[in-house]
PDB file of N, CA and C in Angstrom:
ATOM      1  N   MET A   1       0.837  -1.176   0.000  1.00  0.00           N
ATOM      2  CA  MET A   1       0.000   0.000   0.000  1.00  0.00           C
ATOM      3  C   MET A   1       0.888   1.248   0.000  1.00  0.00           C
ATOM      4  N   ALA A   2       0.616   2.187  -0.864  1.00  0.00           N
ATOM      5  CA  ALA A   2       1.399   3.407  -0.967  1.00  0.00           C
ATOM      6  C   ALA A   2       0.986   4.395   0.121  1.00  0.00           C
ATOM      7  N   PRO A   3       1.924   5.213   0.597  1.00  0.00           N
ATOM      8  CA  PRO A   3       1.600   6.161   1.655  1.00  0.00           C
ATOM      9  C   PRO A   3       0.629   7.249   1.221  1.00  0.00           C
ATOM     10  N   LEU A   4       0.638   7.641  -0.015  1.00  0.00           N
ATOM     11  CA  LEU A   4      -0.283   8.646  -0.535  1.00  0.00           C
ATOM     12  C   LEU A   4      -0.815   8.185  -1.882  1.00  0.00           C
ATOM     13  N   PRO A   5      -2.027   8.572  -2.221  1.00  0.00           N
ATOM     14  CA  PRO A   5      -2.506   8.264  -3.568  1.00  0.00           C
ATOM     15  C   PRO A   5      -1.598   8.941  -4.594  1.00  0.00           C
ATOM     16  N   GLY A   6      -1.380   8.272  -5.685  1.00  0.00           N
ATOM     17  CA  GLY A   6      -0.575   8.856  -6.745  1.00  0.00           C
ATOM     18  C   GLY A   6       0.837   8.320  -6.818  1.00  0.00           C
ATOM     19  N   ALA A   7       1.214   7.411  -5.924  1.00  0.00           N
ATOM     20  CA  ALA A   7       2.568   6.863  -5.965  1.00  0.00           C
ATOM     21  C   ALA A   7       2.825   6.161  -7.291  1.00  0.00           C
ATOM     22  N   ASP A   8       1.794   5.542  -7.846  1.00  0.00           N
ATOM     23  CA  ASP A   8       1.960   4.835  -9.112  1.00  0.00           C
ATOM     24  C   ASP A   8       2.105   5.795 -10.290  1.00  0.00           C
ATOM     25  N   LEU A   9       1.835   7.085 -10.092  1.00  0.00           N
ATOM     26  CA  LEU A   9       1.956   8.081 -11.155  1.00  0.00           C
ATOM     27  C   LEU A   9       3.326   8.754 -11.191  1.00  0.00           C
ATOM     28  N   VAL A  10       4.169   8.482 -10.203  1.00  0.00           N
ATOM     29  CA  VAL A  10       5.494   9.100 -10.136  1.00  0.00           C
ATOM     30  C   VAL A  10       6.379   8.489 -11.208  1.00  0.00           C
ATOM     31  N   ARG A  11       6.824   9.318 -12.147  1.00  0.00           N
ATOM     32  CA  ARG A  11       7.660   8.847 -13.253  1.00  0.00           C
ATOM     33  C   ARG A  11       8.976   9.599 -13.382  1.00  0.00           C
ATOM     34  N   SER A  12       9.073  10.781 -12.788  1.00  0.00           N
ATOM     35  CA  SER A  12      10.300  11.568 -12.922  1.00  0.00           C
ATOM     36  C   SER A  12      10.839  11.940 -11.541  1.00  0.00           C
ATOM     37  N   SER A  13      12.054  12.415 -11.530  1.00  0.00           N
ATOM     38  CA  SER A  13      12.674  12.781 -10.256  1.00  0.00           C
ATOM     39  C   SER A  13      11.961  13.970  -9.604  1.00  0.00           C
ATOM     40  N   VAL A  14      11.482  14.906 -10.407  1.00  0.00           N
ATOM     41  CA  VAL A  14      10.764  16.059  -9.846  1.00  0.00           C
ATOM     42  C   VAL A  14       9.434  15.614  -9.251  1.00  0.00           C
ATOM     43  N   GLN A  15       8.740  14.700  -9.920  1.00  0.00           N
ATOM     44  CA  GLN A  15       7.492  14.168  -9.378  1.00  0.00           C
ATOM     45  C   GLN A  15       7.757  13.427  -8.075  1.00  0.00           C
ATOM     46  N   LEU A  16       8.838  12.671  -8.035  1.00  0.00           N
ATOM     47  CA  LEU A  16       9.205  11.951  -6.815  1.00  0.00           C
ATOM     48  C   LEU A  16       9.487  12.931  -5.681  1.00  0.00           C
ATOM     49  N   TYR A  17      10.242  13.971  -5.974  1.00  0.00           N
ATOM     50  CA  TYR A  17      10.589  14.984  -4.977  1.00  0.00           C
ATOM     51  C   TYR A  17       9.325  15.593  -4.373  1.00  0.00           C
ATOM     52  N   ARG A  18       8.403  16.015  -5.219  1.00  0.00           N
ATOM     53  CA  ARG A  18       7.157  16.620  -4.743  1.00  0.00           C
ATOM     54  C   ARG A  18       6.327  15.601  -3.953  1.00  0.00           C
ATOM     55  N   TYR A  19       6.275  14.375  -4.427  1.00  0.00           N
ATOM     56  CA  TYR A  19       5.529  13.312  -3.753  1.00  0.00           C
ATOM     57  C   TYR A  19       6.078  13.079  -2.341  1.00  0.00           C
ATOM     58  N   LEU A  20       7.410  12.991  -2.225  1.00  0.00           N
ATOM     59  CA  LEU A  20       8.020  12.736  -0.919  1.00  0.00           C
ATOM     60  C   LEU A  20       7.817  13.911   0.039  1.00  0.00           C
ATOM     61  N   LEU A  21       7.864  15.133  -0.481  1.00  0.00           N
ATOM     62  CA  LEU A  21       7.601  16.282   0.390  1.00  0.00           C
ATOM     63  C   LEU A  21       6.152  16.287   0.871  1.00  0.00           C
ATOM     64  N   ARG A  22       5.227  15.840   0.013  1.00  0.00           N
ATOM     65  CA  ARG A  22       3.823  15.725   0.453  1.00  0.00           C
ATOM     66  C   ARG A  22       3.692  14.648   1.528  1.00  0.00           C
ATOM     67  N   CYS A  23       4.446  13.574   1.398  1.00  0.00           N
ATOM     68  CA  CYS A  23       4.436  12.533   2.437  1.00  0.00           C
ATOM     69  C   CYS A  23       4.926  13.110   3.762  1.00  0.00           C
ATOM     70  N   CYS A  24       5.957  13.931   3.705  1.00  0.00           N
ATOM     71  CA  CYS A  24       6.507  14.525   4.930  1.00  0.00           C
ATOM     72  C   CYS A  24       5.465  15.354   5.668  1.00  0.00           C
ATOM     73  N   LYS A  25       4.586  16.009   4.934  1.00  0.00           N
ATOM     74  CA  LYS A  25       3.554  16.839   5.561  1.00  0.00           C
ATOM     75  C   LYS A  25       2.595  16.017   6.415  1.00  0.00           C
ATOM     76  N   GLN A  26       2.502  14.726   6.158  1.00  0.00           N
ATOM     77  CA  GLN A  26       1.581  13.873   6.908  1.00  0.00           C
ATOM     78  C   GLN A  26       2.198  13.279   8.167  1.00  0.00           C
ATOM     79  N   LEU A  27       3.484  13.480   8.373  1.00  0.00           N
ATOM     80  CA  LEU A  27       4.133  12.930   9.562  1.00  0.00           C
ATOM     81  C   LEU A  27       3.650  13.675  10.809  1.00  0.00           C
ATOM     82  N   PRO A  28       3.592  12.984  11.946  1.00  0.00           N
ATOM     83  CA  PRO A  28       2.920  13.536  13.125  1.00  0.00           C
ATOM     84  C   PRO A  28       3.626  14.685  13.844  1.00  0.00           C
ATOM     85  N   GLU A  29       4.955  14.666  13.916  1.00  0.00           N
ATOM     86  CA  GLU A  29       5.660  15.673  14.712  1.00  0.00           C
ATOM     87  C   GLU A  29       6.537  16.551  13.828  1.00  0.00           C
ATOM     88  N   GLU A  30       6.654  17.809  14.204  1.00  0.00           N
ATOM     89  CA  GLU A  30       7.410  18.780  13.393  1.00  0.00           C
ATOM     90  C   GLU A  30       8.875  18.387  13.247  1.00  0.00           C
ATOM     91  N   ASN A  31       9.502  17.934  14.325  1.00  0.00           N
ATOM     92  CA  ASN A  31      10.920  17.577  14.219  1.00  0.00           C
ATOM     93  C   ASN A  31      11.126  16.379  13.293  1.00  0.00           C
ATOM     94  N   ILE A  32      10.190  15.465  13.259  1.00  0.00           N
ATOM     95  CA  ILE A  32      10.266  14.329  12.341  1.00  0.00           C
ATOM     96  C   ILE A  32      10.068  14.816  10.905  1.00  0.00           C
ATOM     97  N   ARG A  33       9.109  15.707  10.705  1.00  0.00           N
ATOM     98  CA  ARG A  33       8.883  16.282   9.365  1.00  0.00           C
ATOM     99  C   ARG A  33      10.140  16.981   8.863  1.00  0.00           C
ATOM    100  N   GLN A  34      10.763  17.779   9.717  1.00  0.00           N
ATOM    101  CA  GLN A  34      11.975  18.495   9.318  1.00  0.00           C
ATOM    102  C   GLN A  34      13.097  17.521   8.947  1.00  0.00           C
ATOM    103  N   HIS A  35      13.247  16.471   9.745  1.00  0.00           N
ATOM    104  CA  HIS A  35      14.296  15.481   9.479  1.00  0.00           C
ATOM    105  C   HIS A  35      14.114  14.844   8.099  1.00  0.00           C
ATOM    106  N   TYR A  36      12.912  14.382   7.808  1.00  0.00           N
ATOM    107  CA  TYR A  36      12.681  13.704   6.533  1.00  0.00           C
ATOM    108  C   TYR A  36      12.679  14.678   5.356  1.00  0.00           C
ATOM    109  N   ARG A  37      12.226  15.913   5.547  1.00  0.00           N
ATOM    110  CA  ARG A  37      12.329  16.924   4.472  1.00  0.00           C
ATOM    111  C   ARG A  37      13.795  17.152   4.124  1.00  0.00           C
ATOM    112  N   HIS A  38      14.623  17.263   5.152  1.00  0.00           N
ATOM    113  CA  HIS A  38      16.063  17.455   4.930  1.00  0.00           C
ATOM    114  C   HIS A  38      16.648  16.244   4.197  1.00  0.00           C
ATOM    115  N   ALA A  39      16.267  15.042   4.611  1.00  0.00           N
ATOM    116  CA  ALA A  39      16.772  13.827   3.968  1.00  0.00           C
ATOM    117  C   ALA A  39      16.349  13.763   2.496  1.00  0.00           C
ATOM    118  N   VAL A  40      15.109  14.147   2.207  1.00  0.00           N
ATOM    119  CA  VAL A  40      14.619  14.153   0.828  1.00  0.00           C
ATOM    120  C   VAL A  40      15.430  15.140  -0.011  1.00  0.00           C
ATOM    121  N   ARG A  41      15.639  16.324   0.510  1.00  0.00           N
ATOM    122  CA  ARG A  41      16.397  17.349  -0.228  1.00  0.00           C
ATOM    123  C   ARG A  41      17.834  16.896  -0.482  1.00  0.00           C
ATOM    124  N   GLN A  42      18.461  16.315   0.526  1.00  0.00           N
ATOM    125  CA  GLN A  42      19.840  15.849   0.370  1.00  0.00           C
ATOM    126  C   GLN A  42      19.925  14.738  -0.669  1.00  0.00           C
ATOM    127  N   SER A  43      19.001  13.801  -0.630  1.00  0.00           N
ATOM    128  CA  SER A  43      19.005  12.704  -1.596  1.00  0.00           C
ATOM    129  C   SER A  43      18.784  13.223  -3.008  1.00  0.00           C
ATOM    130  N   PHE A  44      17.920  14.219  -3.141  1.00  0.00           N
ATOM    131  CA  PHE A  44      17.673  14.802  -4.453  1.00  0.00           C
ATOM    132  C   PHE A  44      18.957  15.431  -4.994  1.00  0.00           C
ATOM    133  N   LYS A  45      19.690  16.133  -4.142  1.00  0.00           N
ATOM    134  CA  LYS A  45      20.948  16.760  -4.558  1.00  0.00           C
ATOM    135  C   LYS A  45      21.994  15.712  -4.927  1.00  0.00           C
ATOM    136  N   VAL A  46      22.076  14.647  -4.144  1.00  0.00           N
ATOM    137  CA  VAL A  46      23.063  13.597  -4.400  1.00  0.00           C
ATOM    138  C   VAL A  46      22.823  12.923  -5.748  1.00  0.00           C
ATOM    139  N   HIS A  47      21.557  12.704  -6.095  1.00  0.00           N
ATOM    140  CA  HIS A  47      21.222  11.983  -7.322  1.00  0.00           C
ATOM    141  C   HIS A  47      20.862  12.896  -8.489  1.00  0.00           C
ATOM    142  N   ALA A  48      21.085  14.196  -8.345  1.00  0.00           N
ATOM    143  CA  ALA A  48      20.685  15.158  -9.379  1.00  0.00           C
ATOM    144  C   ALA A  48      21.392  14.924 -10.712  1.00  0.00           C
ATOM    145  N   ASP A  49      22.606  14.394 -10.690  1.00  0.00           N
ATOM    146  CA  ASP A  49      23.350  14.187 -11.932  1.00  0.00           C
ATOM    147  C   ASP A  49      23.134  12.802 -12.546  1.00  0.00           C
ATOM    148  N   GLU A  50      22.255  12.020 -11.971  1.00  0.00           N
ATOM    149  CA  GLU A  50      21.967  10.678 -12.505  1.00  0.00           C
ATOM    150  C   GLU A  50      21.288  10.811 -13.859  1.00  0.00           C
ATOM    151  N   ASP A  51      21.802  10.113 -14.868  1.00  0.00           N
ATOM    152  CA  ASP A  51      21.224  10.212 -16.210  1.00  0.00           C
ATOM    153  C   ASP A  51      20.833   8.864 -16.809  1.00  0.00           C
ATOM    154  N   ASN A  52      21.060   7.788 -16.089  1.00  0.00           N
ATOM    155  CA  ASN A  52      20.671   6.458 -16.551  1.00  0.00           C
ATOM    156  C   ASN A  52      19.194   6.229 -16.221  1.00  0.00           C
ATOM    157  N   PRO A  53      18.322   6.109 -17.242  1.00  0.00           N
ATOM    158  CA  PRO A  53      16.877   5.960 -16.986  1.00  0.00           C
ATOM    159  C   PRO A  53      16.523   4.745 -16.121  1.00  0.00           C
ATOM    160  N   GLU A  54      17.247   3.646 -16.293  1.00  0.00           N
ATOM    161  CA  GLU A  54      16.975   2.457 -15.469  1.00  0.00           C
ATOM    162  C   GLU A  54      17.312   2.721 -14.012  1.00  0.00           C
ATOM    163  N   ARG A  55      18.436   3.376 -13.784  1.00  0.00           N
ATOM    164  CA  ARG A  55      18.842   3.699 -12.414  1.00  0.00           C
ATOM    165  C   ARG A  55      17.855   4.674 -11.778  1.00  0.00           C
ATOM    166  N   ILE A  56      17.386   5.646 -12.545  1.00  0.00           N
ATOM    167  CA  ILE A  56      16.405   6.602 -12.028  1.00  0.00           C
ATOM    168  C   ILE A  56      15.134   5.876 -11.602  1.00  0.00           C
ATOM    169  N   GLN A  57      14.668   4.932 -12.396  1.00  0.00           N
ATOM    170  CA  GLN A  57      13.471   4.170 -12.041  1.00  0.00           C
ATOM    171  C   GLN A  57      13.706   3.326 -10.787  1.00  0.00           C
ATOM    172  N   GLN A  58      14.915   2.779 -10.631  1.00  0.00           N
ATOM    173  CA  GLN A  58      15.245   2.028  -9.423  1.00  0.00           C
ATOM    174  C   GLN A  58      15.193   2.941  -8.199  1.00  0.00           C
ATOM    175  N   ILE A  59      15.747   4.136  -8.331  1.00  0.00           N
ATOM    176  CA  ILE A  59      15.755   5.091  -7.218  1.00  0.00           C
ATOM    177  C   ILE A  59      14.323   5.484  -6.854  1.00  0.00           C
ATOM    178  N   ILE A  60      13.498   5.731  -7.866  1.00  0.00           N
ATOM    179  CA  ILE A  60      12.098   6.105  -7.624  1.00  0.00           C
ATOM    180  C   ILE A  60      11.371   4.985  -6.895  1.00  0.00           C
ATOM    181  N   LYS A  61      11.536   3.754  -7.379  1.00  0.00           N
ATOM    182  CA  LYS A  61      10.868   2.601  -6.758  1.00  0.00           C
ATOM    183  C   LYS A  61      11.297   2.446  -5.302  1.00  0.00           C
ATOM    184  N   ARG A  62      12.598   2.532  -5.053  1.00  0.00           N
ATOM    185  CA  ARG A  62      13.118   2.366  -3.696  1.00  0.00           C
ATOM    186  C   ARG A  62      12.644   3.501  -2.776  1.00  0.00           C
ATOM    187  N   ALA A  63      12.620   4.722  -3.285  1.00  0.00           N
ATOM    188  CA  ALA A  63      12.191   5.871  -2.471  1.00  0.00           C
ATOM    189  C   ALA A  63      10.728   5.742  -2.073  1.00  0.00           C
ATOM    190  N   ILE A  64       9.888   5.266  -2.994  1.00  0.00           N
ATOM    191  CA  ILE A  64       8.470   5.083  -2.671  1.00  0.00           C
ATOM    192  C   ILE A  64       8.298   3.972  -1.638  1.00  0.00           C
ATOM    193  N   GLU A  65       9.074   2.892  -1.777  1.00  0.00           N
ATOM    194  CA  GLU A  65       9.020   1.813  -0.782  1.00  0.00           C
ATOM    195  C   GLU A  65       9.470   2.316   0.585  1.00  0.00           C
ATOM    196  N   ASP A  66      10.527   3.116   0.608  1.00  0.00           N
ATOM    197  CA  ASP A  66      11.016   3.663   1.876  1.00  0.00           C
ATOM    198  C   ASP A  66       9.995   4.618   2.494  1.00  0.00           C
ATOM    199  N   ALA A  67       9.348   5.427   1.659  1.00  0.00           N
ATOM    200  CA  ALA A  67       8.315   6.351   2.159  1.00  0.00           C
ATOM    201  C   ALA A  67       7.157   5.565   2.745  1.00  0.00           C
ATOM    202  N   ASP A  68       6.790   4.469   2.095  1.00  0.00           N
ATOM    203  CA  ASP A  68       5.725   3.609   2.599  1.00  0.00           C
ATOM    204  C   ASP A  68       6.096   3.069   3.983  1.00  0.00           C
ATOM    205  N   TRP A  69       7.325   2.634   4.125  1.00  0.00           N
ATOM    206  CA  TRP A  69       7.790   2.098   5.407  1.00  0.00           C
ATOM    207  C   TRP A  69       7.733   3.179   6.490  1.00  0.00           C
ATOM    208  N   VAL A  70       8.218   4.384   6.178  1.00  0.00           N
ATOM    209  CA  VAL A  70       8.220   5.470   7.155  1.00  0.00           C
ATOM    210  C   VAL A  70       6.799   5.846   7.554  1.00  0.00           C
ATOM    211  N   MET A  71       5.915   5.916   6.570  1.00  0.00           N
ATOM    212  CA  MET A  71       4.533   6.330   6.852  1.00  0.00           C
ATOM    213  C   MET A  71       3.794   5.279   7.696  1.00  0.00           C
ATOM    214  N   ASN A  72       4.143   4.015   7.558  1.00  0.00           N
ATOM    215  CA  ASN A  72       3.473   2.953   8.308  1.00  0.00           C
ATOM    216  C   ASN A  72       4.160   2.640   9.631  1.00  0.00           C
ATOM    217  N   LYS A  73       5.266   3.283   9.933  1.00  0.00           N
ATOM    218  CA  LYS A  73       6.037   3.040  11.143  1.00  0.00           C
ATOM    219  C   LYS A  73       5.345   3.593  12.359  1.00  0.00           C
TER     220      LYS A  73
END
């Protein structure tokens, strides 16, 4: 089960970024929201130069799975 509706529509890194930030808004405590927003931004910067489409899809899939885990924790 995806943490937010629309996870199956994420196809690009920008869509993933926006999706993950929307997930962060649903977290219960402000300090937790800040932590995960920072982690999302850092990961986006680290992978910004990725140009292999297969690798990008792997990153998107893994990020959505990780978001699902965090949201259900």
